Amino acid sequence: MQWRLERQDKNKGSVIYGHLARWASTWQHNLCFPLFYFFFFIHFSSLALLNIYSAVIGLCHIFINLTDTTFHPIREPVCDSQTHFFLYTDRRGIPPHLSPSF
């Protein structure tokens, strides 16, 4: 009887509480924790791979931009006075249909 009263005080007035807590902790350790860590690992490892992939792609783009020696003409809109259409010309003012660099 003394053990039962101590157990009631210890477990917030419920004898069943100890059995439920024991069952829940066993159930958690047997099922929830492995599943949680499995999905946690999958989620964050995929995020890490995605970050590494995007970083590599970004570095490739930076490298290509720094080493690219191709002439890229500055396209400035110039209004044609007859048709009022905007023609995009290169640095020399030559429209695309006359310029070999476009």
N, C-alpha and C. Protein backbone atom coordinates (compact mmCIF):
# COMPACT_ATOMS: atom_id res chain seq x y z
N MET A 1 0.82 -1.21 0.00
CA MET A 1 0.00 0.00 0.00
C MET A 1 0.86 1.26 0.00
N GLN A 2 1.93 1.19 0.79
CA GLN A 2 2.83 2.34 0.84
C GLN A 2 3.46 2.58 -0.54
N TRP A 3 3.86 1.50 -1.20
CA TRP A 3 4.47 1.62 -2.54
C TRP A 3 3.48 2.22 -3.52
N ARG A 4 2.20 1.82 -3.41
CA ARG A 4 1.16 2.32 -4.30
C ARG A 4 0.93 3.82 -4.09
N LEU A 5 0.95 4.28 -2.84
CA LEU A 5 0.78 5.70 -2.57
C LEU A 5 1.97 6.52 -3.06
N GLU A 6 3.17 5.98 -2.85
CA GLU A 6 4.36 6.67 -3.34
C GLU A 6 4.32 6.79 -4.86
N ARG A 7 3.89 5.70 -5.47
CA ARG A 7 3.81 5.71 -6.93
C ARG A 7 2.77 6.71 -7.41
N GLN A 8 1.66 6.83 -6.67
CA GLN A 8 0.64 7.81 -7.04
C GLN A 8 1.19 9.22 -6.93
N ASP A 9 1.91 9.50 -5.85
CA ASP A 9 2.49 10.84 -5.70
C ASP A 9 3.54 11.11 -6.78
N LYS A 10 4.32 10.10 -7.07
CA LYS A 10 5.40 10.28 -8.03
C LYS A 10 4.86 10.51 -9.44
N ASN A 11 3.77 9.85 -9.75
CA ASN A 11 3.24 9.91 -11.11
C ASN A 11 2.01 10.79 -11.22
N LYS A 12 1.99 11.85 -10.46
CA LYS A 12 0.93 12.87 -10.55
C LYS A 12 -0.46 12.29 -10.29
N GLY A 13 -0.55 11.39 -9.29
CA GLY A 13 -1.85 10.90 -8.86
C GLY A 13 -2.42 9.79 -9.70
N SER A 14 -1.63 9.18 -10.55
CA SER A 14 -2.17 8.11 -11.39
C SER A 14 -1.23 6.93 -11.39
N VAL A 15 -1.78 5.77 -11.04
CA VAL A 15 -0.98 4.54 -11.08
C VAL A 15 -0.75 4.14 -12.54
N ILE A 16 -1.75 4.38 -13.38
CA ILE A 16 -1.66 3.96 -14.79
C ILE A 16 -0.64 4.81 -15.54
N TYR A 17 -0.40 6.02 -15.02
CA TYR A 17 0.51 6.93 -15.72
C TYR A 17 1.88 6.31 -15.95
N GLY A 18 2.38 5.58 -14.93
CA GLY A 18 3.69 4.96 -15.08
C GLY A 18 3.70 3.92 -16.18
N HIS A 19 2.63 3.13 -16.27
CA HIS A 19 2.57 2.11 -17.32
C HIS A 19 2.45 2.75 -18.70
N LEU A 20 1.65 3.83 -18.79
CA LEU A 20 1.52 4.52 -20.08
C LEU A 20 2.83 5.17 -20.49
N ALA A 21 3.51 5.78 -19.52
CA ALA A 21 4.78 6.42 -19.82
C ALA A 21 5.81 5.39 -20.28
N ARG A 22 5.81 4.23 -19.58
CA ARG A 22 6.75 3.19 -19.96
C ARG A 22 6.45 2.66 -21.36
N TRP A 23 5.14 2.45 -21.64
CA TRP A 23 4.75 1.94 -22.97
C TRP A 23 5.06 2.97 -24.05
N ALA A 24 4.80 4.27 -23.74
CA ALA A 24 5.03 5.32 -24.73
C ALA A 24 6.52 5.44 -25.02
N SER A 25 7.35 5.37 -23.99
CA SER A 25 8.78 5.52 -24.24
C SER A 25 9.31 4.33 -25.04
N THR A 26 8.82 3.13 -24.74
CA THR A 26 9.24 1.95 -25.51
C THR A 26 8.77 2.09 -26.95
N TRP A 27 7.52 2.51 -27.13
CA TRP A 27 6.96 2.65 -28.48
C TRP A 27 7.71 3.73 -29.25
N GLN A 28 8.06 4.83 -28.55
CA GLN A 28 8.80 5.91 -29.20
C GLN A 28 10.17 5.43 -29.67
N HIS A 29 10.87 4.77 -28.77
CA HIS A 29 12.22 4.34 -29.11
C HIS A 29 12.20 3.28 -30.20
N ASN A 30 11.17 2.44 -30.20
CA ASN A 30 11.13 1.36 -31.17
C ASN A 30 10.66 1.82 -32.54
N LEU A 31 9.79 2.83 -32.59
CA LEU A 31 9.19 3.21 -33.87
C LEU A 31 9.48 4.65 -34.26
N CYS A 32 9.19 5.58 -33.36
CA CYS A 32 9.24 7.00 -33.75
C CYS A 32 10.66 7.48 -33.98
N PHE A 33 11.56 7.17 -33.07
CA PHE A 33 12.91 7.72 -33.19
C PHE A 33 13.62 7.25 -34.45
N PRO A 34 13.60 5.96 -34.79
CA PRO A 34 14.27 5.57 -36.04
C PRO A 34 13.64 6.21 -37.27
N LEU A 35 12.31 6.29 -37.29
CA LEU A 35 11.66 6.93 -38.43
C LEU A 35 12.02 8.41 -38.51
N PHE A 36 11.99 9.07 -37.36
CA PHE A 36 12.30 10.49 -37.31
C PHE A 36 13.73 10.75 -37.81
N TYR A 37 14.68 9.98 -37.28
CA TYR A 37 16.06 10.20 -37.69
C TYR A 37 16.28 9.82 -39.14
N PHE A 38 15.58 8.80 -39.62
CA PHE A 38 15.71 8.40 -41.01
C PHE A 38 15.25 9.53 -41.94
N PHE A 39 14.04 10.06 -41.69
CA PHE A 39 13.53 11.14 -42.54
C PHE A 39 14.32 12.42 -42.34
N PHE A 40 14.76 12.67 -41.11
CA PHE A 40 15.58 13.83 -40.82
C PHE A 40 16.87 13.77 -41.65
N PHE A 41 17.51 12.60 -41.66
CA PHE A 41 18.75 12.43 -42.41
C PHE A 41 18.52 12.59 -43.91
N ILE A 42 17.45 11.95 -44.42
CA ILE A 42 17.13 12.05 -45.84
C ILE A 42 16.89 13.50 -46.24
N HIS A 43 16.11 14.20 -45.41
CA HIS A 43 15.74 15.58 -45.73
C HIS A 43 16.98 16.47 -45.78
N PHE A 44 17.79 16.42 -44.73
CA PHE A 44 18.92 17.34 -44.67
C PHE A 44 20.06 16.91 -45.57
N SER A 45 20.21 15.61 -45.83
CA SER A 45 21.26 15.21 -46.77
C SER A 45 20.88 15.65 -48.17
N SER A 46 19.57 15.58 -48.51
CA SER A 46 19.17 16.03 -49.84
C SER A 46 19.34 17.54 -49.96
N LEU A 47 19.05 18.28 -48.87
CA LEU A 47 19.27 19.73 -48.89
C LEU A 47 20.76 20.04 -49.07
N ALA A 48 21.60 19.29 -48.39
CA ALA A 48 23.04 19.52 -48.50
C ALA A 48 23.51 19.23 -49.93
N LEU A 49 23.02 18.15 -50.51
CA LEU A 49 23.40 17.85 -51.90
C LEU A 49 22.91 18.92 -52.85
N LEU A 50 21.70 19.44 -52.60
CA LEU A 50 21.17 20.51 -53.44
C LEU A 50 22.01 21.77 -53.30
N ASN A 51 22.44 22.08 -52.08
CA ASN A 51 23.29 23.25 -51.87
C ASN A 51 24.63 23.08 -52.56
N ILE A 52 25.22 21.90 -52.46
CA ILE A 52 26.50 21.64 -53.12
C ILE A 52 26.34 21.75 -54.63
N TYR A 53 25.27 21.18 -55.15
CA TYR A 53 25.01 21.22 -56.59
C TYR A 53 24.86 22.67 -57.07
N SER A 54 24.06 23.46 -56.35
CA SER A 54 23.84 24.84 -56.77
C SER A 54 25.12 25.67 -56.63
N ALA A 55 25.93 25.37 -55.62
CA ALA A 55 27.20 26.08 -55.46
C ALA A 55 28.14 25.76 -56.61
N VAL A 56 28.19 24.50 -57.01
CA VAL A 56 29.05 24.11 -58.14
C VAL A 56 28.58 24.79 -59.43
N ILE A 57 27.28 24.80 -59.66
CA ILE A 57 26.74 25.44 -60.85
C ILE A 57 27.05 26.94 -60.82
N GLY A 58 26.88 27.56 -59.65
CA GLY A 58 27.18 28.99 -59.52
C GLY A 58 28.65 29.28 -59.81
N LEU A 59 29.54 28.45 -59.28
CA LEU A 59 30.97 28.65 -59.55
C LEU A 59 31.29 28.44 -61.02
N CYS A 60 30.62 27.49 -61.65
CA CYS A 60 30.83 27.29 -63.10
C CYS A 60 30.39 28.53 -63.87
N HIS A 61 29.26 29.10 -63.48
CA HIS A 61 28.79 30.31 -64.17
C HIS A 61 29.76 31.46 -63.97
N ILE A 62 30.28 31.61 -62.76
CA ILE A 62 31.25 32.68 -62.51
C ILE A 62 32.50 32.45 -63.34
N PHE A 63 32.98 31.20 -63.38
CA PHE A 63 34.18 30.88 -64.16
C PHE A 63 33.96 31.16 -65.65
N ILE A 64 32.80 30.76 -66.16
CA ILE A 64 32.51 30.98 -67.58
C ILE A 64 32.43 32.47 -67.87
N ASN A 65 31.79 33.24 -66.98
CA ASN A 65 31.69 34.68 -67.20
C ASN A 65 33.04 35.36 -67.14
N LEU A 66 33.92 34.90 -66.26
CA LEU A 66 35.23 35.53 -66.14
C LEU A 66 36.16 35.16 -67.29
N THR A 67 35.99 33.98 -67.84
CA THR A 67 36.90 33.54 -68.90
C THR A 67 36.30 33.70 -70.29
N ASP A 68 35.09 34.24 -70.38
CA ASP A 68 34.44 34.38 -71.68
C ASP A 68 35.02 35.58 -72.40
N THR A 69 35.62 35.36 -73.56
CA THR A 69 36.22 36.45 -74.34
C THR A 69 35.39 36.77 -75.58
N THR A 70 34.20 36.20 -75.68
CA THR A 70 33.34 36.47 -76.83
C THR A 70 32.87 37.92 -76.79
N PHE A 71 32.82 38.55 -77.96
CA PHE A 71 32.35 39.93 -78.04
C PHE A 71 30.84 39.96 -77.88
N HIS A 72 30.38 40.63 -76.84
CA HIS A 72 28.96 40.81 -76.63
C HIS A 72 28.62 42.27 -76.87
N PRO A 73 27.97 42.58 -77.97
CA PRO A 73 27.66 43.99 -78.25
C PRO A 73 26.64 44.55 -77.27
N ILE A 74 26.79 45.81 -76.96
CA ILE A 74 25.82 46.49 -76.10
C ILE A 74 24.62 46.83 -76.97
N ARG A 75 23.48 46.31 -76.59
CA ARG A 75 22.29 46.56 -77.39
C ARG A 75 21.56 47.77 -76.82
N GLU A 76 21.53 48.83 -77.59
CA GLU A 76 20.87 50.05 -77.15
C GLU A 76 19.66 50.30 -78.04
N PRO A 77 18.50 50.57 -77.45
CA PRO A 77 17.33 50.83 -78.29
C PRO A 77 17.44 52.18 -79.00
N VAL A 78 17.29 52.15 -80.31
CA VAL A 78 17.32 53.36 -81.12
C VAL A 78 16.01 53.43 -81.88
N CYS A 79 15.31 54.54 -81.78
CA CYS A 79 14.01 54.67 -82.43
C CYS A 79 14.21 55.02 -83.89
N ASP A 80 13.61 54.23 -84.77
CA ASP A 80 13.66 54.51 -86.20
C ASP A 80 12.65 55.63 -86.49
N SER A 81 13.11 56.70 -87.13
CA SER A 81 12.25 57.88 -87.33
C SER A 81 11.13 57.63 -88.32
N GLN A 82 11.28 56.67 -89.21
CA GLN A 82 10.23 56.43 -90.21
C GLN A 82 9.15 55.49 -89.67
N THR A 83 9.53 54.37 -89.07
CA THR A 83 8.55 53.39 -88.63
C THR A 83 8.22 53.52 -87.14
N HIS A 84 9.04 54.28 -86.39
CA HIS A 84 8.89 54.45 -84.94
C HIS A 84 9.02 53.13 -84.20
N PHE A 85 9.66 52.13 -84.82
CA PHE A 85 10.00 50.91 -84.11
C PHE A 85 11.37 51.08 -83.47
N PHE A 86 11.55 50.41 -82.37
CA PHE A 86 12.86 50.46 -81.73
C PHE A 86 13.74 49.37 -82.32
N LEU A 87 14.84 49.78 -82.91
CA LEU A 87 15.83 48.83 -83.40
C LEU A 87 16.92 48.71 -82.36
N TYR A 88 17.38 47.49 -82.17
CA TYR A 88 18.49 47.27 -81.26
C TYR A 88 19.78 47.27 -82.07
N THR A 89 20.65 48.17 -81.75
CA THR A 89 21.89 48.30 -82.52
C THR A 89 23.07 47.89 -81.65
N ASP A 90 24.17 47.61 -82.32
CA ASP A 90 25.38 47.32 -81.56
C ASP A 90 26.09 48.63 -81.22
N ARG A 91 27.32 48.51 -80.73
CA ARG A 91 28.07 49.67 -80.26
C ARG A 91 28.32 50.70 -81.37
N ARG A 92 28.41 50.19 -82.62
CA ARG A 92 28.69 51.08 -83.75
C ARG A 92 27.43 51.71 -84.31
N GLY A 93 26.26 51.33 -83.77
CA GLY A 93 25.02 51.89 -84.27
C GLY A 93 24.45 51.16 -85.47
N ILE A 94 24.91 49.93 -85.70
CA ILE A 94 24.44 49.16 -86.85
C ILE A 94 23.28 48.27 -86.40
N PRO A 95 22.15 48.31 -87.11
CA PRO A 95 21.01 47.46 -86.71
C PRO A 95 21.29 45.99 -86.96
N PRO A 96 20.49 45.10 -86.36
CA PRO A 96 20.78 43.67 -86.41
C PRO A 96 20.78 43.07 -87.81
N HIS A 97 19.91 43.54 -88.69
CA HIS A 97 19.86 42.92 -90.01
C HIS A 97 21.03 43.33 -90.89
N LEU A 98 21.83 44.28 -90.46
CA LEU A 98 23.02 44.67 -91.21
C LEU A 98 24.32 44.30 -90.50
N SER A 99 24.20 43.88 -89.23
CA SER A 99 25.40 43.62 -88.46
C SER A 99 25.71 42.13 -88.43
N PRO A 100 26.97 41.76 -88.77
CA PRO A 100 27.34 40.34 -88.71
C PRO A 100 27.57 39.84 -87.29
N SER A 101 27.64 40.75 -86.33
CA SER A 101 27.97 40.32 -84.97
C SER A 101 26.75 39.89 -84.18
N PHE A 102 25.54 40.08 -84.66
CA PHE A 102 24.34 39.66 -83.93
C PHE A 102 24.05 38.21 -84.19
